Amino acid sequence: MNTGNSNSTFNFDNTYLLLPPLFYSRVNPAAARNPRTFLFNDTLREELGVNINQDETFSLILSGNKLTKNSTPLAQAYAGHQFGHFTMLGDGRAILLGEHITPSGSRLDIQLKGSGRTPYSRNGDGKATLKSMLREYIVSEAIHHLGIPTSRSLAVVKTDEPVYREVIHKGAVLTRVMKSHIRVGTFEYAGYFGTKADLTALVNYTIHRHFQEISEAENPALSLLDRVMRLQIELIVEWMRVGFIHGVMNTDNISISGETFDYGPCAFMNSYNPETVFSSIDRFGRYSFGNQPKILKWNISKLAEALLPVIHSDENKAISLAIKIINQFDSIYSEKWFKMMSSKIGIEEPEEEDNALIDELMNIMLKYGADYTNTFSGLYMDDLIDENSNFKEAFHPWKKKWTERLGRSKKGFEYAVSLMKKNNPVLIPRNFHVEQAIDLADEGNLSKLHNMLDALRTPYEFKEESRELLFTDPEFEKTYQTFCGT
């Protein structure tokens, strides 16, 4: 690769290098054959305040073939519980180019995904397929426009690298933008493979970078645990709001900064069922839609275990303090979930009996397989309600109760509709259309991909020209599975 620095594009800093060397390995991206820009997020470029054009130099930079000024590439080391089993991991196909400082002073990781082998690749090739990178681009941008914290996708650069999976795929490199890639698994790694000094350094670095408001706390590590738990609860509640299933909530995929990331076997639910799973590797439903809150609590408990040595020198005291934090999880989650679900049916100030109203609707949806997104947006757009006569027969008595409940609200029905419009997307990236757009793009036809991305920028607005994207193919959904793409 060309290690000569190009003219300024990113405004890089590299504070992660201040951590002990245990946490990273310095490594350059591998040179990719014939890189060219395939998909580019100009809106994000503007937000980053980066002066880059879609020319040959740009493709060289975002494929890893050319380094920019002040870039010191590294792969991060971390561990994680994958499907409940502890494993040593690390960036096996991703390389952090640096931390970009935006004109407003924000610090954001710029990472290349699919940029070649690292010391943590194990038996992997470090590459990524064009299809899997397009999928991450679509879904991460959809999550962003839904108003949910997430990593972003700046570009997909296509290469002539063959990627061998079940068949030979076209290769690509994704540029991922994120507040940082520190994860629960980073702390597990420090606790298992490092010293107490290493763990303390990671805690201090994380607090300084993300949570300066707790830097003067009496017990910073305990405050960090509490802060991360609350951020993650807020994130999962948002996933539940829009029917998003992450698919692989291993501890190495849980960000400390409260962002959605590592879009592998993720998908959006169509017919409502808490047991919905799309991931081909999740054979027992560990990461099903309805299990996500429970798994989050389990993951936070693993963060607590990793932090014990720096929470208190007395292990029993540390455990007692951590348990007090974890024991708040259920009540915090339940309160936020109830508030969110109440907003989805237009109730701003929920009452205890509204729980029964919500439960009744969810049970009707489950019984008749009603579409999750369309049922809620159909509360104020009648033509989106399921045409299934049995569903309608059960839905109308519920709707009567719901209408009576809204009649007791102080702000009236018009305000309830405005509240529902803010909380119920009309459009999500449905699996059928996502896969169709990706397949066409892989063949060189990007029209559906661009049309979908344009529509997903305004997911809370109904547009007649996007109507087909509001529905799916039931036969396709019966057998649809997602894959990690690694």
Protein backbone atom coordinates (compact mmCIF):
# COMPACT_ATOMS: atom_id res chain seq x y z
CA MET A 1 0.00 0.00 0.00
CA ASN A 2 0.97 3.63 -0.39
CA THR A 3 1.95 4.86 3.05
CA GLY A 4 2.59 8.39 1.85
CA ASN A 5 0.09 10.82 3.33
CA SER A 6 -2.39 12.41 0.93
CA ASN A 7 -3.67 15.97 1.20
CA SER A 8 -5.98 16.64 4.12
CA THR A 9 -9.36 14.92 4.12
CA PHE A 10 -10.02 13.90 7.70
CA ASN A 11 -8.94 15.88 10.75
CA PHE A 12 -7.46 12.94 12.61
CA ASP A 13 -6.39 12.53 16.21
CA ASN A 14 -5.45 9.21 17.85
CA THR A 15 -6.22 9.24 21.57
CA TYR A 16 -6.87 5.49 21.62
CA LEU A 17 -3.10 5.09 21.35
CA LEU A 18 -2.85 6.60 24.85
CA LEU A 19 -4.24 3.34 26.24
CA PRO A 20 -1.83 0.53 27.15
CA PRO A 21 -0.66 -1.44 24.05
CA LEU A 22 -2.69 -4.40 25.33
CA PHE A 23 -5.78 -2.78 23.79
CA TYR A 24 -4.69 -2.54 20.16
CA SER A 25 -2.30 -3.54 17.43
CA ARG A 26 -0.99 -1.04 14.93
CA VAL A 27 -1.62 -2.40 11.45
CA ASN A 28 -2.09 -0.90 8.01
CA PRO A 29 -5.04 -1.82 5.80
CA ALA A 30 -4.28 -4.25 3.00
CA ALA A 31 -4.06 -2.89 -0.52
CA ALA A 32 -7.27 -3.63 -2.45
CA ARG A 33 -7.39 -4.26 -6.16
CA ASN A 34 -8.96 -1.58 -8.34
CA PRO A 35 -11.03 0.23 -5.68
CA ARG A 36 -13.84 2.51 -6.88
CA THR A 37 -16.61 4.30 -5.04
CA PHE A 38 -19.86 2.35 -5.26
CA LEU A 39 -22.06 4.19 -2.75
CA PHE A 40 -21.38 7.50 -1.05
CA ASN A 41 -23.16 9.40 1.74
CA ASP A 42 -22.72 13.05 0.83
CA THR A 43 -25.04 14.21 3.62
CA LEU A 44 -22.80 12.55 6.20
CA ARG A 45 -19.73 14.00 4.51
CA GLU A 46 -21.18 17.48 5.06
CA GLU A 47 -21.95 16.69 8.70
CA LEU A 48 -18.36 15.55 9.20
CA GLY A 49 -17.04 18.73 7.60
CA VAL A 50 -14.77 16.70 5.33
CA ASN A 51 -13.54 18.00 2.00
CA ILE A 52 -13.43 14.93 -0.20
CA ASN A 53 -14.54 14.30 -3.74
CA GLN A 54 -15.55 11.04 -5.33
CA ASP A 55 -12.38 10.73 -7.35
CA GLU A 56 -9.64 8.14 -7.59
CA THR A 57 -7.81 9.48 -4.52
CA PHE A 58 -10.98 9.28 -2.46
CA SER A 59 -11.45 5.61 -3.41
CA LEU A 60 -7.83 4.90 -2.52
CA ILE A 61 -8.29 6.46 0.93
CA LEU A 62 -11.56 4.70 1.77
CA SER A 63 -10.31 1.34 0.56
CA GLY A 64 -7.22 1.63 2.77
CA ASN A 65 -4.80 1.89 -0.16
CA LYS A 66 -3.69 5.39 0.81
CA LEU A 67 -3.34 6.96 4.25
CA THR A 68 -4.27 10.53 5.03
CA LYS A 69 -2.39 12.98 7.20
CA ASN A 70 -2.18 12.02 10.90
CA SER A 71 -3.76 8.62 10.35
CA THR A 72 -2.27 5.92 12.58
CA PRO A 73 -4.25 2.78 11.72
CA LEU A 74 -4.94 0.22 14.42
CA ALA A 75 -7.08 -2.81 15.14
CA GLN A 76 -8.75 -2.92 18.55
CA ALA A 77 -8.47 -5.89 20.88
CA TYR A 78 -11.52 -7.04 22.83
CA ALA A 79 -13.25 -10.16 24.03
CA GLY A 80 -16.91 -11.04 24.35
CA HIS A 81 -19.59 -13.50 25.26
CA GLN A 82 -20.86 -14.92 21.98
CA PHE A 83 -24.14 -16.76 22.50
CA GLY A 84 -23.21 -16.92 26.18
CA HIS A 85 -19.66 -18.27 25.73
CA PHE A 86 -16.58 -16.18 26.51
CA THR A 87 -14.19 -15.75 23.58
CA MET A 88 -11.06 -13.76 22.79
CA LEU A 89 -11.85 -11.58 19.78
CA GLY A 90 -10.67 -8.27 18.29
CA ASP A 91 -11.05 -6.42 15.00
CA GLY A 92 -10.59 -9.30 12.60
CA ARG A 93 -11.64 -7.39 9.48
CA ALA A 94 -11.81 -3.78 10.61
CA ILE A 95 -9.13 -1.11 11.02
CA LEU A 96 -9.54 2.22 12.77
CA LEU A 97 -7.96 4.98 10.68
CA GLY A 98 -8.26 7.59 13.42
CA GLU A 99 -10.58 9.84 15.37
CA HIS A 100 -11.94 12.61 13.17
CA ILE A 101 -12.56 15.96 14.86
CA THR A 102 -15.48 17.75 13.21
CA PRO A 103 -15.69 21.56 12.86
CA SER A 104 -18.08 21.57 15.85
CA GLY A 105 -15.54 19.67 17.98
CA SER A 106 -17.17 16.23 17.96
CA ARG A 107 -14.82 13.25 18.00
CA LEU A 108 -15.78 10.33 15.75
CA ASP A 109 -14.05 7.06 14.87
CA ILE A 110 -13.45 6.49 11.18
CA GLN A 111 -13.16 2.76 10.62
CA LEU A 112 -12.68 0.66 7.50
CA LYS A 113 -14.58 -2.63 7.52
CA GLY A 114 -13.36 -5.35 5.17
CA SER A 115 -9.89 -3.84 4.91
CA GLY A 116 -7.82 -7.00 5.35
CA ARG A 117 -6.33 -9.26 7.96
CA THR A 118 -5.23 -8.11 11.41
CA PRO A 119 -3.56 -9.91 14.34
CA TYR A 120 -7.10 -10.76 15.51
CA SER A 121 -8.37 -12.32 12.27
CA ARG A 122 -7.69 -15.87 13.43
CA ASN A 123 -8.59 -17.96 10.36
CA GLY A 124 -10.52 -15.17 8.65
CA ASP A 125 -9.47 -13.36 5.49
CA GLY A 126 -10.31 -9.88 6.81
CA LYS A 127 -12.48 -9.14 3.80
CA ALA A 128 -16.12 -8.21 3.38
CA THR A 129 -18.62 -8.88 0.62
CA LEU A 130 -20.23 -6.12 -1.38
CA LYS A 131 -23.69 -7.39 -0.48
CA SER A 132 -23.08 -7.42 3.29
CA MET A 133 -21.58 -3.92 3.23
CA LEU A 134 -24.51 -2.58 1.21
CA ARG A 135 -26.84 -4.13 3.76
CA GLU A 136 -25.07 -2.42 6.64
CA TYR A 137 -25.18 0.87 4.76
CA ILE A 138 -28.96 0.59 4.18
CA VAL A 139 -29.93 -0.53 7.68
CA SER A 140 -27.59 1.78 9.61
CA GLU A 141 -28.81 4.80 7.64
CA ALA A 142 -32.42 3.69 8.15
CA ILE A 143 -31.85 3.45 11.92
CA HIS A 144 -30.28 6.92 11.90
CA HIS A 145 -33.24 8.49 10.11
CA LEU A 146 -35.61 6.73 12.51
CA GLY A 147 -33.94 8.86 15.18
CA ILE A 148 -32.07 6.03 16.92
CA PRO A 149 -28.38 6.30 17.96
CA THR A 150 -26.24 4.32 15.54
CA SER A 151 -23.00 4.02 13.68
CA ARG A 152 -23.20 5.65 10.24
CA SER A 153 -22.02 4.57 6.81
CA LEU A 154 -19.99 7.06 4.80
CA ALA A 155 -19.13 4.97 1.77
CA VAL A 156 -18.97 1.56 0.18
CA VAL A 157 -15.91 1.11 -2.02
CA LYS A 158 -16.08 -1.85 -4.38
CA THR A 159 -12.91 -3.81 -5.06
CA ASP A 160 -11.84 -6.58 -7.39
CA GLU A 161 -11.00 -8.77 -4.40
CA PRO A 162 -12.81 -12.13 -4.58
CA VAL A 163 -14.38 -13.02 -1.25
CA TYR A 164 -14.82 -16.73 -0.65
CA ARG A 165 -17.84 -17.67 1.44
CA GLU A 166 -20.43 -20.27 0.44
CA VAL A 167 -19.79 -18.95 -3.09
CA ILE A 168 -17.40 -16.37 -4.52
CA HIS A 169 -18.64 -12.84 -3.77
CA LYS A 170 -17.59 -9.40 -4.92
CA GLY A 171 -15.46 -7.57 -2.35
CA ALA A 172 -16.00 -4.18 -0.77
CA VAL A 173 -14.83 -1.92 2.05
CA LEU A 174 -17.30 0.03 4.19
CA THR A 175 -16.34 3.26 5.95
CA ARG A 176 -18.05 3.27 9.34
CA VAL A 177 -18.43 6.38 11.49
CA MET A 178 -19.15 6.10 15.22
CA LYS A 179 -18.60 7.95 18.50
CA SER A 180 -16.22 5.15 19.42
CA HIS A 181 -15.89 1.40 19.15
CA ILE A 182 -15.42 0.77 22.89
CA ARG A 183 -17.71 -2.09 23.85
CA VAL A 184 -18.72 -4.19 26.82
CA GLY A 185 -16.31 -6.77 25.41
CA THR A 186 -13.44 -4.28 25.66
CA PHE A 187 -13.91 -4.20 29.43
CA GLU A 188 -14.23 -7.99 29.58
CA TYR A 189 -10.95 -8.21 27.70
CA ALA A 190 -9.25 -5.84 30.13
CA GLY A 191 -10.61 -7.72 33.12
CA TYR A 192 -9.62 -11.14 31.82
CA PHE A 193 -6.31 -10.49 30.06
CA GLY A 194 -5.07 -7.27 31.65
CA THR A 195 -4.05 -5.94 35.02
CA LYS A 196 -6.05 -3.75 37.36
CA ALA A 197 -3.99 -0.84 36.05
CA ASP A 198 -5.05 -1.67 32.48
CA LEU A 199 -8.70 -1.81 33.52
CA THR A 200 -8.38 1.48 35.41
CA ALA A 201 -6.82 3.10 32.35
CA LEU A 202 -9.74 1.94 30.19
CA VAL A 203 -12.30 3.22 32.69
CA ASN A 204 -10.61 6.60 32.91
CA TYR A 205 -10.24 6.88 29.14
CA THR A 206 -13.89 5.97 28.54
CA ILE A 207 -15.16 8.44 31.11
CA HIS A 208 -12.93 11.23 29.76
CA ARG A 209 -14.03 10.55 26.18
CA HIS A 210 -17.75 9.92 26.66
CA PHE A 211 -18.93 10.77 30.16
CA GLN A 212 -17.01 13.71 31.54
CA GLU A 213 -20.06 14.56 33.67
CA ILE A 214 -19.21 11.62 35.96
CA SER A 215 -15.47 12.21 36.14
CA GLU A 216 -15.81 13.69 39.63
CA ALA A 217 -18.18 10.97 40.87
CA GLU A 218 -17.41 9.35 44.22
CA ASN A 219 -17.12 5.98 42.46
CA PRO A 220 -16.44 6.60 38.74
CA ALA A 221 -16.53 2.92 37.74
CA LEU A 222 -19.89 2.40 39.43
CA SER A 223 -21.24 5.57 37.83
CA LEU A 224 -19.98 4.31 34.47
CA LEU A 225 -21.90 1.06 34.92
CA ASP A 226 -25.05 2.99 35.74
CA ARG A 227 -24.62 5.39 32.81
CA VAL A 228 -24.00 2.64 30.27
CA MET A 229 -26.96 0.62 31.53
CA ARG A 230 -29.32 3.56 31.19
CA LEU A 231 -28.04 4.45 27.72
CA GLN A 232 -28.46 0.87 26.56
CA ILE A 233 -31.97 0.64 28.00
CA GLU A 234 -32.91 3.76 26.05
CA LEU A 235 -31.44 2.20 22.92
CA ILE A 236 -33.25 -1.13 23.27
CA VAL A 237 -36.56 0.62 23.95
CA GLU A 238 -36.05 2.42 20.65
CA TRP A 239 -35.38 -0.89 18.88
CA MET A 240 -38.60 -2.27 20.34
CA ARG A 241 -40.46 0.84 19.19
CA VAL A 242 -39.66 0.24 15.51
CA GLY A 243 -39.55 -3.57 15.49
CA PHE A 244 -35.78 -3.84 15.00
CA ILE A 245 -34.02 -7.12 15.77
CA HIS A 246 -30.24 -6.77 16.13
CA GLY A 247 -29.75 -10.49 15.70
CA VAL A 248 -26.46 -10.96 17.51
CA MET A 249 -26.40 -9.13 20.85
CA ASN A 250 -23.10 -10.59 21.97
CA THR A 251 -21.25 -8.44 24.51
CA ASP A 252 -18.70 -7.44 21.87
CA ASN A 253 -21.57 -5.86 19.91
CA ILE A 254 -22.83 -3.70 22.79
CA SER A 255 -21.37 -0.19 22.62
CA ILE A 256 -20.48 1.80 25.70
CA SER A 257 -21.66 4.97 23.95
CA GLY A 258 -25.19 3.62 23.47
CA GLU A 259 -25.08 3.31 19.68
CA THR A 260 -26.46 0.55 17.47
CA PHE A 261 -23.62 -1.09 15.57
CA ASP A 262 -22.27 -4.30 14.04
CA TYR A 263 -25.13 -4.80 11.62
CA GLY A 264 -24.78 -8.48 10.85
CA PRO A 265 -27.88 -10.70 10.84
CA CYS A 266 -30.20 -7.82 11.74
CA ALA A 267 -33.70 -7.27 10.34
CA PHE A 268 -37.01 -5.53 10.99
CA MET A 269 -39.99 -7.55 12.10
CA ASN A 270 -43.04 -7.73 9.84
CA SER A 271 -45.78 -9.82 11.47
CA TYR A 272 -45.70 -9.23 15.21
CA ASN A 273 -44.31 -12.11 17.24
CA PRO A 274 -41.91 -11.66 20.19
CA GLU A 275 -40.18 -14.90 19.18
CA THR A 276 -39.21 -13.58 15.76
CA VAL A 277 -35.66 -14.52 14.75
CA PHE A 278 -34.03 -13.97 11.36
CA SER A 279 -30.43 -14.90 12.11
CA SER A 280 -29.39 -18.22 10.60
CA ILE A 281 -27.08 -18.92 13.56
CA ASP A 282 -29.61 -18.15 16.32
CA ARG A 283 -31.17 -21.60 16.44
CA PHE A 284 -32.69 -21.30 19.90
CA GLY A 285 -34.00 -17.73 19.75
CA ARG A 286 -31.51 -16.27 22.22
CA TYR A 287 -31.59 -12.94 20.38
CA SER A 288 -35.24 -12.91 19.33
CA PHE A 289 -37.19 -9.64 19.27
CA GLY A 290 -38.82 -10.19 22.66
CA ASN A 291 -35.62 -11.43 24.30
CA GLN A 292 -33.60 -8.29 23.59
CA PRO A 293 -34.29 -6.56 26.94
CA LYS A 294 -33.47 -9.74 28.88
CA ILE A 295 -30.23 -10.22 26.94
CA LEU A 296 -29.28 -6.60 27.50
CA LYS A 297 -29.60 -7.08 31.25
CA TRP A 298 -27.40 -10.19 31.01
CA ASN A 299 -24.82 -8.22 29.00
CA ILE A 300 -24.80 -5.36 31.51
CA SER A 301 -24.19 -7.90 34.26
CA LYS A 302 -21.08 -8.99 32.34
CA LEU A 303 -19.91 -5.37 32.24
CA ALA A 304 -20.47 -5.22 36.00
CA GLU A 305 -18.38 -8.36 36.53
CA ALA A 306 -15.54 -6.89 34.49
CA LEU A 307 -15.63 -3.65 36.49
CA LEU A 308 -15.66 -5.25 39.95
CA PRO A 309 -11.90 -4.80 40.66
CA VAL A 310 -12.19 -1.03 40.16
CA ILE A 311 -15.60 -0.59 41.79
CA HIS A 312 -14.18 -1.56 45.19
CA SER A 313 -11.08 -3.32 46.52
CA ASP A 314 -13.29 -5.60 48.61
CA GLU A 315 -14.86 -8.02 46.13
CA ASN A 316 -17.98 -8.63 48.23
CA LYS A 317 -18.51 -4.89 48.60
CA ALA A 318 -17.98 -4.42 44.85
CA ILE A 319 -20.55 -7.12 44.07
CA SER A 320 -23.05 -5.55 46.47
CA LEU A 321 -22.64 -2.12 44.86
CA ALA A 322 -22.93 -3.52 41.32
CA ILE A 323 -26.04 -5.54 42.18
CA LYS A 324 -27.76 -2.38 43.43
CA ILE A 325 -27.27 -0.88 39.97
CA ILE A 326 -28.35 -4.00 38.07
CA ASN A 327 -31.42 -4.41 40.28
CA GLN A 328 -32.75 -1.12 38.91
CA PHE A 329 -32.78 -2.47 35.36
CA ASP A 330 -36.27 -4.01 35.30
CA SER A 331 -38.08 -1.00 36.73
CA ILE A 332 -36.23 1.48 34.51
CA TYR A 333 -36.85 -0.60 31.40
CA SER A 334 -40.52 -1.24 32.22
CA GLU A 335 -41.18 2.44 32.83
CA LYS A 336 -39.52 3.52 29.57
CA TRP A 337 -41.14 0.71 27.56
CA PHE A 338 -44.60 1.60 28.91
CA LYS A 339 -44.07 5.27 28.14
CA MET A 340 -42.91 4.41 24.61
CA MET A 341 -45.78 2.02 23.88
CA SER A 342 -48.28 4.53 25.24
CA SER A 343 -46.90 7.13 22.83
CA LYS A 344 -47.32 4.67 19.97
CA ILE A 345 -51.06 4.63 20.64
CA GLY A 346 -51.24 8.39 21.19
CA ILE A 347 -51.27 8.56 24.99
CA GLU A 348 -48.82 11.11 26.38
CA GLU A 349 -49.69 10.73 30.07
CA PRO A 350 -50.32 7.00 30.55
CA GLU A 351 -52.33 5.61 33.41
CA GLU A 352 -51.83 2.21 34.99
CA GLU A 353 -54.89 0.72 33.26
CA ASP A 354 -53.39 1.62 29.88
CA ASN A 355 -51.15 -1.41 30.32
CA ALA A 356 -54.18 -3.64 29.72
CA LEU A 357 -55.09 -1.67 26.59
CA ILE A 358 -51.58 -2.11 25.19
CA ASP A 359 -51.47 -5.80 26.11
CA GLU A 360 -54.82 -6.45 24.45
CA LEU A 361 -53.67 -4.88 21.19
CA MET A 362 -50.40 -6.85 21.22
CA ASN A 363 -52.28 -10.10 21.86
CA ILE A 364 -54.61 -9.43 18.92
CA MET A 365 -51.64 -8.66 16.69
CA LEU A 366 -49.89 -11.85 17.80
CA LYS A 367 -52.95 -14.05 17.34
CA TYR A 368 -53.59 -12.90 13.80
CA GLY A 369 -50.03 -12.19 12.70
CA ALA A 370 -50.71 -8.50 12.09
CA ASP A 371 -47.92 -6.35 10.69
CA TYR A 372 -46.14 -4.52 13.53
CA THR A 373 -45.34 -1.30 11.67
CA ASN A 374 -48.55 -1.02 9.66
CA THR A 375 -50.84 -1.73 12.61
CA PHE A 376 -49.51 1.22 14.59
CA SER A 377 -49.28 3.65 11.68
CA GLY A 378 -52.70 2.32 10.63
CA LEU A 379 -54.21 3.80 13.80
CA TYR A 380 -54.26 7.11 11.94
CA MET A 381 -53.98 5.75 8.35
CA ASP A 382 -56.87 3.30 7.99
CA ASP A 383 -55.76 1.80 4.66
CA LEU A 384 -52.68 0.28 6.32
CA ILE A 385 -54.66 -1.85 8.76
CA ASP A 386 -54.49 -5.57 8.01
CA GLU A 387 -57.27 -6.68 5.65
CA ASN A 388 -57.55 -10.03 7.44
CA SER A 389 -61.23 -10.20 8.36
CA ASN A 390 -60.55 -12.11 11.60
CA PHE A 391 -58.05 -9.48 12.67
CA LYS A 392 -60.47 -6.66 11.85
CA GLU A 393 -63.22 -8.39 13.79
CA ALA A 394 -61.01 -8.48 16.89
CA PHE A 395 -59.47 -5.08 16.25
CA HIS A 396 -62.67 -3.01 16.08
CA PRO A 397 -63.79 -3.63 19.70
CA TRP A 398 -60.28 -2.71 20.83
CA LYS A 399 -60.33 0.42 18.66
CA LYS A 400 -63.59 1.47 20.33
CA LYS A 401 -61.97 1.20 23.79
CA TRP A 402 -58.91 3.04 22.52
CA THR A 403 -61.01 5.86 21.04
CA GLU A 404 -62.85 6.23 24.35
CA ARG A 405 -59.51 6.37 26.17
CA LEU A 406 -58.21 9.11 23.88
CA GLY A 407 -61.43 11.01 24.51
CA ARG A 408 -60.37 11.36 28.15
CA SER A 409 -57.02 12.87 27.19
CA LYS A 410 -56.71 16.56 27.90
CA LYS A 411 -55.06 17.44 24.56
CA GLY A 412 -57.57 15.65 22.35
CA PHE A 413 -57.41 13.35 19.34
CA GLU A 414 -55.52 15.74 17.06
CA TYR A 415 -52.62 15.89 19.49
CA ALA A 416 -52.73 12.09 19.89
CA VAL A 417 -52.31 11.74 16.12
CA SER A 418 -49.31 14.07 16.16
CA LEU A 419 -47.77 11.98 18.96
CA MET A 420 -48.37 8.75 17.03
CA LYS A 421 -46.82 10.20 13.89
CA LYS A 422 -43.64 10.96 15.82
CA ASN A 423 -43.37 7.46 17.28
CA ASN A 424 -44.70 5.19 14.53
CA PRO A 425 -42.67 5.01 11.33
CA VAL A 426 -44.63 4.49 8.14
CA LEU A 427 -41.57 3.06 6.42
CA ILE A 428 -38.94 0.58 7.56
CA PRO A 429 -36.35 -1.27 5.44
CA ARG A 430 -38.36 -4.44 4.88
CA ASN A 431 -36.34 -7.56 4.23
CA PHE A 432 -37.89 -8.34 0.83
CA HIS A 433 -37.09 -4.91 -0.60
CA VAL A 434 -33.66 -4.70 1.03
CA GLU A 435 -32.59 -8.01 -0.49
CA GLN A 436 -34.05 -7.12 -3.88
CA ALA A 437 -32.23 -3.76 -3.90
CA ILE A 438 -28.95 -5.42 -2.90
CA ASP A 439 -29.24 -8.16 -5.53
CA LEU A 440 -29.94 -5.61 -8.25
CA ALA A 441 -27.06 -3.40 -7.07
CA ASP A 442 -24.72 -6.38 -7.08
CA GLU A 443 -25.60 -6.82 -10.75
CA GLY A 444 -24.92 -3.14 -11.45
CA ASN A 445 -28.46 -1.72 -11.23
CA LEU A 446 -28.54 0.78 -8.34
CA SER A 447 -31.90 2.41 -9.09
CA LYS A 448 -33.93 0.56 -6.44
CA LEU A 449 -31.14 0.98 -3.89
CA HIS A 450 -31.08 4.76 -4.37
CA ASN A 451 -34.88 4.98 -4.38
CA MET A 452 -35.04 3.05 -1.11
CA LEU A 453 -32.34 5.16 0.54
CA ASP A 454 -34.15 8.33 -0.52
CA ALA A 455 -37.44 7.07 0.93
CA LEU A 456 -35.81 5.95 4.20
CA ARG A 457 -34.64 9.52 4.87
CA THR A 458 -38.22 10.44 5.83
CA PRO A 459 -39.59 7.27 7.48
CA TYR A 460 -42.36 9.06 9.38
CA GLU A 461 -43.92 10.56 6.25
CA PHE A 462 -46.29 8.75 3.93
CA LYS A 463 -45.45 9.19 0.25
CA GLU A 464 -47.59 7.58 -2.39
CA GLU A 465 -44.59 6.86 -4.62
CA SER A 466 -43.11 4.71 -1.82
CA ARG A 467 -46.28 2.73 -1.11
CA GLU A 468 -44.89 -0.57 -2.39
CA LEU A 469 -42.12 -0.36 0.22
CA LEU A 470 -44.72 -0.45 3.02
CA PHE A 471 -45.57 -4.08 2.32
CA THR A 472 -43.68 -7.31 1.89
CA ASP A 473 -43.99 -10.64 0.12
CA PRO A 474 -45.47 -13.12 2.66
CA GLU A 475 -44.01 -16.13 0.85
CA PHE A 476 -40.54 -14.60 0.90
CA GLU A 477 -40.80 -13.91 4.62
CA LYS A 478 -41.69 -17.52 5.48
CA THR A 479 -38.17 -18.76 4.79
CA TYR A 480 -36.10 -15.57 4.99
CA GLN A 481 -32.89 -15.70 7.02
CA THR A 482 -30.08 -13.24 7.59
CA PHE A 483 -26.39 -14.00 7.86
CA CYS A 484 -23.37 -12.43 9.54
CA GLY A 485 -21.56 -11.90 6.25
CA THR A 486 -18.19 -12.48 7.90
